[in-house]
């Protein structure tokens, strides 16, 4: 009797495997560039980050001014707010000033 139950379980388990379909692996689709979108040297789209002020924006702006970077909207927060934040500021001379602030202590990157 035990052998019959084991045999039935094996047969039913095997039947379930035969009926299941194997899904094909997803194919990577390359995003088509939008008209007027900026591209890097490899053809990948460049993401635009909206300006967001953070708790250390004023500190980073003063630090940038001390390093000869003035103008623009000011220092915008790139990362999520938290103990470690990264700020970006566009200078008048088209250079970019980056700063890393850890617990509101900021340094140029």
PDB file of N, CA and C in Angstrom:
ATOM      1  N   UNK A   1       0.817  -1.185   0.000  1.00  0.00           N
ATOM      2  CA  UNK A   1       0.000   0.000   0.000  1.00  0.00           C
ATOM      3  C   UNK A   1       0.867   1.258   0.000  1.00  0.00           C
ATOM      4  N   UNK A   2       1.953   1.234   0.808  1.00  0.00           N
ATOM      5  CA  UNK A   2       2.850   2.379   0.856  1.00  0.00           C
ATOM      6  C   UNK A   2       3.503   2.608  -0.498  1.00  0.00           C
ATOM      7  N   UNK A   3       3.892   1.542  -1.143  1.00  0.00           N
ATOM      8  CA  UNK A   3       4.541   1.653  -2.444  1.00  0.00           C
ATOM      9  C   UNK A   3       3.597   2.283  -3.461  1.00  0.00           C
ATOM     10  N   UNK A   4       2.340   1.936  -3.386  1.00  0.00           N
ATOM     11  CA  UNK A   4       1.354   2.480  -4.316  1.00  0.00           C
ATOM     12  C   UNK A   4       1.180   3.986  -4.099  1.00  0.00           C
ATOM     13  N   UNK A   5       1.166   4.434  -2.853  1.00  0.00           N
ATOM     14  CA  UNK A   5       1.051   5.857  -2.554  1.00  0.00           C
ATOM     15  C   UNK A   5       2.293   6.615  -3.017  1.00  0.00           C
ATOM     16  N   UNK A   6       3.473   6.038  -2.806  1.00  0.00           N
ATOM     17  CA  UNK A   6       4.720   6.670  -3.236  1.00  0.00           C
ATOM     18  C   UNK A   6       4.755   6.755  -4.754  1.00  0.00           C
ATOM     19  N   UNK A   7       4.345   5.694  -5.425  1.00  0.00           N
ATOM     20  CA  UNK A   7       4.326   5.672  -6.877  1.00  0.00           C
ATOM     21  C   UNK A   7       3.350   6.713  -7.423  1.00  0.00           C
ATOM     22  N   UNK A   8       2.183   6.843  -6.808  1.00  0.00           N
ATOM     23  CA  UNK A   8       1.190   7.830  -7.238  1.00  0.00           C
ATOM     24  C   UNK A   8       1.722   9.253  -7.032  1.00  0.00           C
ATOM     25  N   UNK A   9       2.405   9.497  -5.918  1.00  0.00           N
ATOM     26  CA  UNK A   9       2.956  10.825  -5.643  1.00  0.00           C
ATOM     27  C   UNK A   9       4.029  11.187  -6.666  1.00  0.00           C
ATOM     28  N   UNK A  10       4.871  10.208  -7.018  1.00  0.00           N
ATOM     29  CA  UNK A  10       5.925  10.454  -7.996  1.00  0.00           C
ATOM     30  C   UNK A  10       5.319  10.744  -9.359  1.00  0.00           C
ATOM     31  N   UNK A  11       4.327   9.975  -9.739  1.00  0.00           N
ATOM     32  CA  UNK A  11       3.689  10.181 -11.045  1.00  0.00           C
ATOM     33  C   UNK A  11       2.965  11.518 -11.117  1.00  0.00           C
ATOM     34  N   UNK A  12       2.247  11.867 -10.061  1.00  0.00           N
ATOM     35  CA  UNK A  12       1.536  13.147 -10.054  1.00  0.00           C
ATOM     36  C   UNK A  12       2.506  14.318 -10.024  1.00  0.00           C
ATOM     37  N   UNK A  13       3.588  14.193  -9.281  1.00  0.00           N
ATOM     38  CA  UNK A  13       4.602  15.246  -9.246  1.00  0.00           C
ATOM     39  C   UNK A  13       5.257  15.419 -10.602  1.00  0.00           C
ATOM     40  N   UNK A  14       5.512  14.327 -11.290  1.00  0.00           N
ATOM     41  CA  UNK A  14       6.104  14.388 -12.615  1.00  0.00           C
ATOM     42  C   UNK A  14       5.159  15.021 -13.621  1.00  0.00           C
ATOM     43  N   UNK A  15       3.862  14.749 -13.494  1.00  0.00           N
ATOM     44  CA  UNK A  15       2.883  15.325 -14.416  1.00  0.00           C
ATOM     45  C   UNK A  15       2.800  16.835 -14.243  1.00  0.00           C
ATOM     46  N   UNK A  16       2.916  17.302 -13.022  1.00  0.00           N
ATOM     47  CA  UNK A  16       2.855  18.742 -12.784  1.00  0.00           C
ATOM     48  C   UNK A  16       4.043  19.433 -13.427  1.00  0.00           C
ATOM     49  N   UNK A  17       5.180  18.778 -13.449  1.00  0.00           N
ATOM     50  CA  UNK A  17       6.366  19.379 -14.061  1.00  0.00           C
ATOM     51  C   UNK A  17       6.222  19.451 -15.573  1.00  0.00           C
ATOM     52  N   UNK A  18       5.577  18.452 -16.152  1.00  0.00           N
ATOM     53  CA  UNK A  18       5.426  18.420 -17.612  1.00  0.00           C
ATOM     54  C   UNK A  18       4.487  19.523 -18.069  1.00  0.00           C
ATOM     55  N   UNK A  19       3.427  19.793 -17.320  1.00  0.00           N
ATOM     56  CA  UNK A  19       2.432  20.779 -17.715  1.00  0.00           C
ATOM     57  C   UNK A  19       2.902  22.222 -17.543  1.00  0.00           C
ATOM     58  N   UNK A  20       3.889  22.455 -16.675  1.00  0.00           N
ATOM     59  CA  UNK A  20       4.322  23.827 -16.423  1.00  0.00           C
ATOM     60  C   UNK A  20       5.092  24.359 -17.629  1.00  0.00           C
ATOM     61  N   UNK A  21       4.879  25.621 -17.922  1.00  0.00           N
ATOM     62  CA  UNK A  21       5.557  26.261 -19.045  1.00  0.00           C
ATOM     63  C   UNK A  21       6.792  26.991 -18.531  1.00  0.00           C
ATOM     64  N   UNK A  22       7.819  26.981 -19.326  1.00  0.00           N
ATOM     65  CA  UNK A  22       9.037  27.698 -18.982  1.00  0.00           C
ATOM     66  C   UNK A  22       8.957  29.066 -19.645  1.00  0.00           C
ATOM     67  N   UNK A  23       9.013  30.113 -18.830  1.00  0.00           N
ATOM     68  CA  UNK A  23       8.947  31.481 -19.340  1.00  0.00           C
ATOM     69  C   UNK A  23      10.294  31.883 -19.905  1.00  0.00           C
ATOM     70  N   UNK A  24      10.322  32.515 -21.071  1.00  0.00           N
ATOM     71  CA  UNK A  24      11.602  32.973 -21.607  1.00  0.00           C
ATOM     72  C   UNK A  24      12.155  34.122 -20.770  1.00  0.00           C
ATOM     73  N   UNK A  25      13.459  34.232 -20.752  1.00  0.00           N
ATOM     74  CA  UNK A  25      14.109  35.303 -19.995  1.00  0.00           C
ATOM     75  C   UNK A  25      13.761  36.650 -20.625  1.00  0.00           C
ATOM     76  N   UNK A  26      13.549  37.692 -19.800  1.00  0.00           N
ATOM     77  CA  UNK A  26      13.228  39.006 -20.364  1.00  0.00           C
ATOM     78  C   UNK A  26      14.397  39.561 -21.174  1.00  0.00           C
ATOM     79  N   UNK A  27      14.061  40.223 -22.234  1.00  0.00           N
ATOM     80  CA  UNK A  27      15.064  40.807 -23.115  1.00  0.00           C
ATOM     81  C   UNK A  27      15.250  42.260 -22.735  1.00  0.00           C
ATOM     82  N   UNK A  28      16.506  42.691 -22.608  1.00  0.00           N
ATOM     83  CA  UNK A  28      16.797  44.084 -22.264  1.00  0.00           C
ATOM     84  C   UNK A  28      16.415  44.980 -23.436  1.00  0.00           C
ATOM     85  N   UNK A  29      15.639  45.999 -23.139  1.00  0.00           N
ATOM     86  CA  UNK A  29      15.211  46.943 -24.165  1.00  0.00           C
ATOM     87  C   UNK A  29      15.935  48.250 -23.929  1.00  0.00           C
ATOM     88  N   UNK A  30      16.600  48.734 -24.951  1.00  0.00           N
ATOM     89  CA  UNK A  30      17.321  49.993 -24.826  1.00  0.00           C
ATOM     90  C   UNK A  30      16.346  51.138 -25.043  1.00  0.00           C
ATOM     91  N   UNK A  31      16.372  52.092 -24.132  1.00  0.00           N
ATOM     92  CA  UNK A  31      15.466  53.229 -24.225  1.00  0.00           C
ATOM     93  C   UNK A  31      15.838  54.096 -25.413  1.00  0.00           C
ATOM     94  N   UNK A  32      14.821  54.514 -26.146  1.00  0.00           N
ATOM     95  CA  UNK A  32      15.066  55.394 -27.276  1.00  0.00           C
ATOM     96  C   UNK A  32      15.209  56.811 -26.760  1.00  0.00           C
ATOM     97  N   UNK A  33      16.197  57.550 -27.262  1.00  0.00           N
ATOM     98  CA  UNK A  33      16.385  58.915 -26.786  1.00  0.00           C
ATOM     99  C   UNK A  33      15.233  59.819 -27.202  1.00  0.00           C
ATOM    100  N   UNK A  34      14.879  60.705 -26.308  1.00  0.00           N
ATOM    101  CA  UNK A  34      13.838  61.686 -26.569  1.00  0.00           C
ATOM    102  C   UNK A  34      14.451  62.840 -27.353  1.00  0.00           C
ATOM    103  N   UNK A  35      13.670  63.425 -28.237  1.00  0.00           N
ATOM    104  CA  UNK A  35      14.159  64.538 -29.046  1.00  0.00           C
ATOM    105  C   UNK A  35      14.658  65.654 -28.131  1.00  0.00           C
ATOM    106  N   UNK A  36      15.889  66.098 -28.323  1.00  0.00           N
ATOM    107  CA  UNK A  36      16.451  67.192 -27.541  1.00  0.00           C
ATOM    108  C   UNK A  36      17.071  66.768 -26.226  1.00  0.00           C
ATOM    109  N   UNK A  37      17.080  65.460 -25.930  1.00  0.00           N
ATOM    110  CA  UNK A  37      17.661  64.979 -24.676  1.00  0.00           C
ATOM    111  C   UNK A  37      19.181  64.907 -24.812  1.00  0.00           C
ATOM    112  N   UNK A  38      19.898  65.268 -23.765  1.00  0.00           N
ATOM    113  CA  UNK A  38      21.351  65.224 -23.773  1.00  0.00           C
ATOM    114  C   UNK A  38      21.833  63.786 -23.664  1.00  0.00           C
ATOM    115  N   UNK A  39      22.926  63.474 -24.378  1.00  0.00           N
ATOM    116  CA  UNK A  39      23.486  62.129 -24.373  1.00  0.00           C
ATOM    117  C   UNK A  39      24.962  62.216 -23.991  1.00  0.00           C
ATOM    118  N   UNK A  40      25.475  61.166 -23.328  1.00  0.00           N
ATOM    119  CA  UNK A  40      26.903  61.149 -23.016  1.00  0.00           C
ATOM    120  C   UNK A  40      27.675  60.554 -24.196  1.00  0.00           C
ATOM    121  N   UNK A  41      28.984  60.374 -24.043  1.00  0.00           N
ATOM    122  CA  UNK A  41      29.834  59.911 -25.140  1.00  0.00           C
ATOM    123  C   UNK A  41      29.477  58.495 -25.601  1.00  0.00           C
ATOM    124  N   UNK A  42      28.911  57.680 -24.716  1.00  0.00           N
ATOM    125  CA  UNK A  42      28.537  56.307 -25.067  1.00  0.00           C
ATOM    126  C   UNK A  42      27.111  56.194 -25.597  1.00  0.00           C
ATOM    127  N   UNK A  43      26.399  57.306 -25.680  1.00  0.00           N
ATOM    128  CA  UNK A  43      25.037  57.296 -26.199  1.00  0.00           C
ATOM    129  C   UNK A  43      23.967  57.084 -25.141  1.00  0.00           C
ATOM    130  N   UNK A  44      24.350  57.045 -23.882  1.00  0.00           N
ATOM    131  CA  UNK A  44      23.370  56.878 -22.809  1.00  0.00           C
ATOM    132  C   UNK A  44      22.770  58.241 -22.463  1.00  0.00           C
ATOM    133  N   UNK A  45      21.466  58.274 -22.170  1.00  0.00           N
ATOM    134  CA  UNK A  45      20.850  59.562 -21.839  1.00  0.00           C
ATOM    135  C   UNK A  45      21.368  60.115 -20.517  1.00  0.00           C
ATOM    136  N   UNK A  46      21.507  61.433 -20.463  1.00  0.00           N
ATOM    137  CA  UNK A  46      21.954  62.116 -19.252  1.00  0.00           C
ATOM    138  C   UNK A  46      20.717  62.544 -18.477  1.00  0.00           C
ATOM    139  N   UNK A  47      20.657  62.125 -17.220  1.00  0.00           N
ATOM    140  CA  UNK A  47      19.495  62.428 -16.385  1.00  0.00           C
ATOM    141  C   UNK A  47      19.614  63.835 -15.808  1.00  0.00           C
ATOM    142  N   UNK A  48      18.541  64.581 -15.879  1.00  0.00           N
ATOM    143  CA  UNK A  48      18.503  65.915 -15.289  1.00  0.00           C
ATOM    144  C   UNK A  48      17.902  65.796 -13.887  1.00  0.00           C
ATOM    145  N   UNK A  49      18.576  66.412 -12.919  1.00  0.00           N
ATOM    146  CA  UNK A  49      18.114  66.370 -11.537  1.00  0.00           C
ATOM    147  C   UNK A  49      17.537  67.736 -11.192  1.00  0.00           C
ATOM    148  N   UNK A  50      16.317  67.749 -10.698  1.00  0.00           N
ATOM    149  CA  UNK A  50      15.660  69.002 -10.325  1.00  0.00           C
ATOM    150  C   UNK A  50      16.363  69.621  -9.114  1.00  0.00           C
ATOM    151  N   UNK A  51      16.359  70.955  -9.054  1.00  0.00           N
ATOM    152  CA  UNK A  51      16.997  71.658  -7.938  1.00  0.00           C
ATOM    153  C   UNK A  51      16.198  71.427  -6.671  1.00  0.00           C
ATOM    154  N   UNK A  52      16.918  71.063  -5.597  1.00  0.00           N
ATOM    155  CA  UNK A  52      16.327  70.865  -4.276  1.00  0.00           C
ATOM    156  C   UNK A  52      17.246  71.461  -3.240  1.00  0.00           C
ATOM    157  N   UNK A  53      16.762  72.374  -2.453  1.00  0.00           N
ATOM    158  CA  UNK A  53      17.574  72.957  -1.380  1.00  0.00           C
ATOM    159  C   UNK A  53      17.621  71.984  -0.207  1.00  0.00           C
ATOM    160  N   UNK A  54      18.752  71.988   0.501  1.00  0.00           N
ATOM    161  CA  UNK A  54      18.916  71.136   1.676  1.00  0.00           C
ATOM    162  C   UNK A  54      19.303  71.967   2.885  1.00  0.00           C
ATOM    163  N   UNK A  55      19.487  71.298   4.014  1.00  0.00           N
ATOM    164  CA  UNK A  55      19.800  72.021   5.250  1.00  0.00           C
ATOM    165  C   UNK A  55      21.181  72.663   5.206  1.00  0.00           C
ATOM    166  N   UNK A  56      22.091  72.144   4.386  1.00  0.00           N
ATOM    167  CA  UNK A  56      23.451  72.685   4.310  1.00  0.00           C
ATOM    168  C   UNK A  56      23.692  73.471   3.026  1.00  0.00           C
ATOM    169  N   UNK A  57      22.644  73.854   2.310  1.00  0.00           N
ATOM    170  CA  UNK A  57      22.812  74.583   1.047  1.00  0.00           C
ATOM    171  C   UNK A  57      23.574  75.890   1.253  1.00  0.00           C
ATOM    172  N   UNK A  58      23.222  76.653   2.274  1.00  0.00           N
ATOM    173  CA  UNK A  58      23.885  77.934   2.528  1.00  0.00           C
ATOM    174  C   UNK A  58      25.363  77.724   2.869  1.00  0.00           C
ATOM    175  N   UNK A  59      25.674  76.686   3.633  1.00  0.00           N
ATOM    176  CA  UNK A  59      27.056  76.386   3.993  1.00  0.00           C
ATOM    177  C   UNK A  59      27.873  76.036   2.757  1.00  0.00           C
ATOM    178  N   UNK A  60      27.285  75.236   1.872  1.00  0.00           N
ATOM    179  CA  UNK A  60      27.987  74.837   0.645  1.00  0.00           C
ATOM    180  C   UNK A  60      28.188  76.046  -0.267  1.00  0.00           C
ATOM    181  N   UNK A  61      27.214  76.947  -0.322  1.00  0.00           N
ATOM    182  CA  UNK A  61      27.357  78.152  -1.146  1.00  0.00           C
ATOM    183  C   UNK A  61      28.508  79.026  -0.643  1.00  0.00           C
ATOM    184  N   UNK A  62      28.661  79.140   0.680  1.00  0.00           N
ATOM    185  CA  UNK A  62      29.778  79.899   1.245  1.00  0.00           C
ATOM    186  C   UNK A  62      31.107  79.210   0.941  1.00  0.00           C
ATOM    187  N   UNK A  63      31.130  77.888   1.032  1.00  0.00           N
ATOM    188  CA  UNK A  63      32.329  77.117   0.728  1.00  0.00           C
ATOM    189  C   UNK A  63      32.696  77.263  -0.760  1.00  0.00           C
ATOM    190  N   UNK A  64      31.713  77.256  -1.621  1.00  0.00           N
ATOM    191  CA  UNK A  64      31.954  77.413  -3.058  1.00  0.00           C
ATOM    192  C   UNK A  64      32.488  78.807  -3.363  1.00  0.00           C
ATOM    193  N   UNK A  65      31.932  79.814  -2.694  1.00  0.00           N
ATOM    194  CA  UNK A  65      32.396  81.187  -2.903  1.00  0.00           C
ATOM    195  C   UNK A  65      33.858  81.326  -2.486  1.00  0.00           C
ATOM    196  N   UNK A  66      34.256  80.659  -1.421  1.00  0.00           N
ATOM    197  CA  UNK A  66      35.645  80.687  -0.970  1.00  0.00           C
ATOM    198  C   UNK A  66      36.581  80.021  -1.973  1.00  0.00           C
ATOM    199  N   UNK A  67      36.049  79.112  -2.795  1.00  0.00           N
ATOM    200  CA  UNK A  67      36.836  78.431  -3.825  1.00  0.00           C
ATOM    201  C   UNK A  67      36.650  79.067  -5.203  1.00  0.00           C
ATOM    202  N   UNK A  68      36.032  80.253  -5.256  1.00  0.00           N
ATOM    203  CA  UNK A  68      35.902  80.986  -6.513  1.00  0.00           C
ATOM    204  C   UNK A  68      34.712  80.606  -7.365  1.00  0.00           C
ATOM    205  N   UNK A  69      33.720  79.977  -6.798  1.00  0.00           N
ATOM    206  CA  UNK A  69      32.516  79.576  -7.537  1.00  0.00           C
ATOM    207  C   UNK A  69      31.343  80.421  -7.062  1.00  0.00           C
ATOM    208  N   UNK A  70      30.800  81.232  -7.953  1.00  0.00           N
ATOM    209  CA  UNK A  70      29.641  82.066  -7.608  1.00  0.00           C
ATOM    210  C   UNK A  70      28.595  81.945  -8.694  1.00  0.00           C
ATOM    211  N   UNK A  71      27.381  82.400  -8.382  1.00  0.00           N
ATOM    212  CA  UNK A  71      26.305  82.460  -9.373  1.00  0.00           C
ATOM    213  C   UNK A  71      25.428  81.233  -9.383  1.00  0.00           C
ATOM    214  N   UNK A  72      24.491  81.231 -10.319  1.00  0.00           N
ATOM    215  CA  UNK A  72      23.568  80.106 -10.465  1.00  0.00           C
ATOM    216  C   UNK A  72      22.446  80.142  -9.448  1.00  0.00           C
ATOM    217  N   UNK A  73      21.749  79.030  -9.335  1.00  0.00           N
ATOM    218  CA  UNK A  73      20.631  78.917  -8.397  1.00  0.00           C
ATOM    219  C   UNK A  73      21.103  78.735  -6.965  1.00  0.00           C
ATOM    220  N   UNK A  74      22.291  78.253  -6.801  1.00  0.00           N
ATOM    221  CA  UNK A  74      22.792  77.944  -5.471  1.00  0.00           C
ATOM    222  C   UNK A  74      23.126  76.470  -5.383  1.00  0.00           C
ATOM    223  N   UNK A  75      23.358  75.987  -4.179  1.00  0.00           N
ATOM    224  CA  UNK A  75      23.740  74.595  -3.967  1.00  0.00           C
ATOM    225  C   UNK A  75      22.492  73.737  -3.821  1.00  0.00           C
ATOM    226  N   UNK A  76      22.371  72.764  -4.687  1.00  0.00           N
ATOM    227  CA  UNK A  76      21.217  71.863  -4.659  1.00  0.00           C
ATOM    228  C   UNK A  76      21.594  70.497  -4.127  1.00  0.00           C
ATOM    229  N   UNK A  77      20.679  69.896  -3.407  1.00  0.00           N
ATOM    230  CA  UNK A  77      20.881  68.582  -2.805  1.00  0.00           C
ATOM    231  C   UNK A  77      20.712  67.499  -3.867  1.00  0.00           C
ATOM    232  N   UNK A  78      21.706  66.611  -3.999  1.00  0.00           N
ATOM    233  CA  UNK A  78      21.638  65.515  -4.970  1.00  0.00           C
ATOM    234  C   UNK A  78      21.137  64.221  -4.358  1.00  0.00           C
ATOM    235  N   UNK A  79      21.495  63.973  -3.096  1.00  0.00           N
ATOM    236  CA  UNK A  79      21.128  62.720  -2.438  1.00  0.00           C
ATOM    237  C   UNK A  79      19.887  62.928  -1.569  1.00  0.00           C
ATOM    238  N   UNK A  80      19.427  61.859  -0.975  1.00  0.00           N
ATOM    239  CA  UNK A  80      18.311  61.952  -0.037  1.00  0.00           C
ATOM    240  C   UNK A  80      18.791  62.639   1.243  1.00  0.00           C
ATOM    241  N   UNK A  81      17.926  63.404   1.913  1.00  0.00           N
ATOM    242  CA  UNK A  81      18.323  64.040   3.170  1.00  0.00           C
ATOM    243  C   UNK A  81      18.705  62.980   4.208  1.00  0.00           C
ATOM    244  N   UNK A  82      19.759  63.265   4.953  1.00  0.00           N
ATOM    245  CA  UNK A  82      20.223  62.317   5.962  1.00  0.00           C
ATOM    246  C   UNK A  82      21.509  62.802   6.583  1.00  0.00           C
ATOM    247  N   UNK A  83      22.212  61.926   7.268  1.00  0.00           N
ATOM    248  CA  UNK A  83      23.459  62.337   7.921  1.00  0.00           C
ATOM    249  C   UNK A  83      24.577  62.645   6.925  1.00  0.00           C
ATOM    250  N   UNK A  84      24.568  62.006   5.757  1.00  0.00           N
ATOM    251  CA  UNK A  84      25.556  62.275   4.712  1.00  0.00           C
ATOM    252  C   UNK A  84      24.812  62.745   3.469  1.00  0.00           C
ATOM    253  N   UNK A  85      25.148  63.948   3.000  1.00  0.00           N
ATOM    254  CA  UNK A  85      24.473  64.532   1.839  1.00  0.00           C
ATOM    255  C   UNK A  85      25.508  65.030   0.835  1.00  0.00           C
ATOM    256  N   UNK A  86      25.149  65.027  -0.434  1.00  0.00           N
ATOM    257  CA  UNK A  86      26.009  65.538  -1.497  1.00  0.00           C
ATOM    258  C   UNK A  86      25.282  66.694  -2.164  1.00  0.00           C
ATOM    259  N   UNK A  87      26.003  67.811  -2.335  1.00  0.00           N
ATOM    260  CA  UNK A  87      25.443  69.015  -2.942  1.00  0.00           C
ATOM    261  C   UNK A  87      26.190  69.340  -4.234  1.00  0.00           C
ATOM    262  N   UNK A  88      25.479  69.975  -5.157  1.00  0.00           N
ATOM    263  CA  UNK A  88      26.050  70.375  -6.449  1.00  0.00           C
ATOM    264  C   UNK A  88      25.681  71.833  -6.698  1.00  0.00           C
ATOM    265  N   UNK A  89      26.664  72.596  -7.197  1.00  0.00           N
ATOM    266  CA  UNK A  89      26.415  74.002  -7.519  1.00  0.00           C
ATOM    267  C   UNK A  89      27.048  74.318  -8.863  1.00  0.00           C
ATOM    268  N   UNK A  90      26.272  74.921  -9.755  1.00  0.00           N
ATOM    269  CA  UNK A  90      26.758  75.341 -11.069  1.00  0.00           C
ATOM    270  C   UNK A  90      27.370  76.730 -10.931  1.00  0.00           C
ATOM    271  N   UNK A  91      28.639  76.888 -11.319  1.00  0.00           N
ATOM    272  CA  UNK A  91      29.340  78.169 -11.211  1.00  0.00           C
ATOM    273  C   UNK A  91      29.068  79.018 -12.454  1.00  0.00           C
ATOM    274  N   UNK A  92      29.387  80.321 -12.358  1.00  0.00           N
ATOM    275  CA  UNK A  92      29.222  81.228 -13.502  1.00  0.00           C
ATOM    276  C   UNK A  92      30.086  80.816 -14.678  1.00  0.00           C
ATOM    277  N   UNK A  93      31.275  80.274 -14.396  1.00  0.00           N
ATOM    278  CA  UNK A  93      32.197  79.886 -15.462  1.00  0.00           C
ATOM    279  C   UNK A  93      31.910  78.477 -15.998  1.00  0.00           C
ATOM    280  N   UNK A  94      30.700  77.967 -15.767  1.00  0.00           N
ATOM    281  CA  UNK A  94      30.200  76.673 -16.252  1.00  0.00           C
ATOM    282  C   UNK A  94      30.849  75.464 -15.586  1.00  0.00           C
ATOM    283  N   UNK A  95      31.677  75.671 -14.566  1.00  0.00           N
ATOM    284  CA  UNK A  95      32.242  74.552 -13.819  1.00  0.00           C
ATOM    285  C   UNK A  95      31.231  74.115 -12.768  1.00  0.00           C
ATOM    286  N   UNK A  96      31.420  72.916 -12.253  1.00  0.00           N
ATOM    287  CA  UNK A  96      30.519  72.369 -11.245  1.00  0.00           C
ATOM    288  C   UNK A  96      31.279  72.213  -9.935  1.00  0.00           C
ATOM    289  N   UNK A  97      30.683  72.677  -8.849  1.00  0.00           N
ATOM    290  CA  UNK A  97      31.271  72.554  -7.515  1.00  0.00           C
ATOM    291  C   UNK A  97      30.473  71.498  -6.761  1.00  0.00           C
ATOM    292  N   UNK A  98      31.148  70.450  -6.282  1.00  0.00           N
ATOM    293  CA  UNK A  98      30.507  69.395  -5.509  1.00  0.00           C
ATOM    294  C   UNK A  98      31.015  69.422  -4.078  1.00  0.00           C
ATOM    295  N   UNK A  99      30.125  69.179  -3.145  1.00  0.00           N
ATOM    296  CA  UNK A  99      30.507  69.134  -1.733  1.00  0.00           C
ATOM    297  C   UNK A  99      29.786  67.981  -1.053  1.00  0.00           C
ATOM    298  N   UNK A 100      30.472  67.395  -0.084  1.00  0.00           N
ATOM    299  CA  UNK A 100      29.904  66.308   0.717  1.00  0.00           C
ATOM    300  C   UNK A 100      29.785  66.807   2.139  1.00  0.00           C
ATOM    301  N   UNK A 101      28.592  66.686   2.694  1.00  0.00           N
ATOM    302  CA  UNK A 101      28.349  67.143   4.067  1.00  0.00           C
ATOM    303  C   UNK A 101      27.986  65.944   4.929  1.00  0.00           C
ATOM    304  N   UNK A 102      28.730  65.767   6.010  1.00  0.00           N
ATOM    305  CA  UNK A 102      28.454  64.707   6.963  1.00  0.00           C
ATOM    306  C   UNK A 102      28.141  65.349   8.296  1.00  0.00           C
ATOM    307  N   UNK A 103      26.920  65.178   8.749  1.00  0.00           N
ATOM    308  CA  UNK A 103      26.429  65.815   9.977  1.00  0.00           C
ATOM    309  C   UNK A 103      26.671  67.320   9.941  1.00  0.00           C
ATOM    310  N   UNK A 104      26.347  67.922   8.817  1.00  0.00           N
ATOM    311  CA  UNK A 104      26.435  69.367   8.543  1.00  0.00           C
ATOM    312  C   UNK A 104      27.857  69.916   8.522  1.00  0.00           C
ATOM    313  N   UNK A 105      28.847  69.043   8.416  1.00  0.00           N
ATOM    314  CA  UNK A 105      30.236  69.448   8.252  1.00  0.00           C
ATOM    315  C   UNK A 105      30.572  69.200   6.778  1.00  0.00           C
ATOM    316  N   UNK A 106      30.771  70.284   6.001  1.00  0.00           N
ATOM    317  CA  UNK A 106      30.895  70.165   4.556  1.00  0.00           C
ATOM    318  C   UNK A 106      32.337  70.315   4.086  1.00  0.00           C
ATOM    319  N   UNK A 107      32.681  69.541   3.038  1.00  0.00           N
ATOM    320  CA  UNK A 107      33.990  69.590   2.412  1.00  0.00           C
ATOM    321  C   UNK A 107      33.823  69.489   0.911  1.00  0.00           C
ATOM    322  N   UNK A 108      34.741  70.123   0.183  1.00  0.00           N
ATOM    323  CA  UNK A 108      34.716  70.054  -1.276  1.00  0.00           C
ATOM    324  C   UNK A 108      35.095  68.630  -1.721  1.00  0.00           C
ATOM    325  N   UNK A 109      34.452  68.165  -2.764  1.00  0.00           N
ATOM    326  CA  UNK A 109      34.784  66.848  -3.317  1.00  0.00           C
ATOM    327  C   UNK A 109      35.745  66.990  -4.468  1.00  0.00           C
TER     328      UNK A 109
END
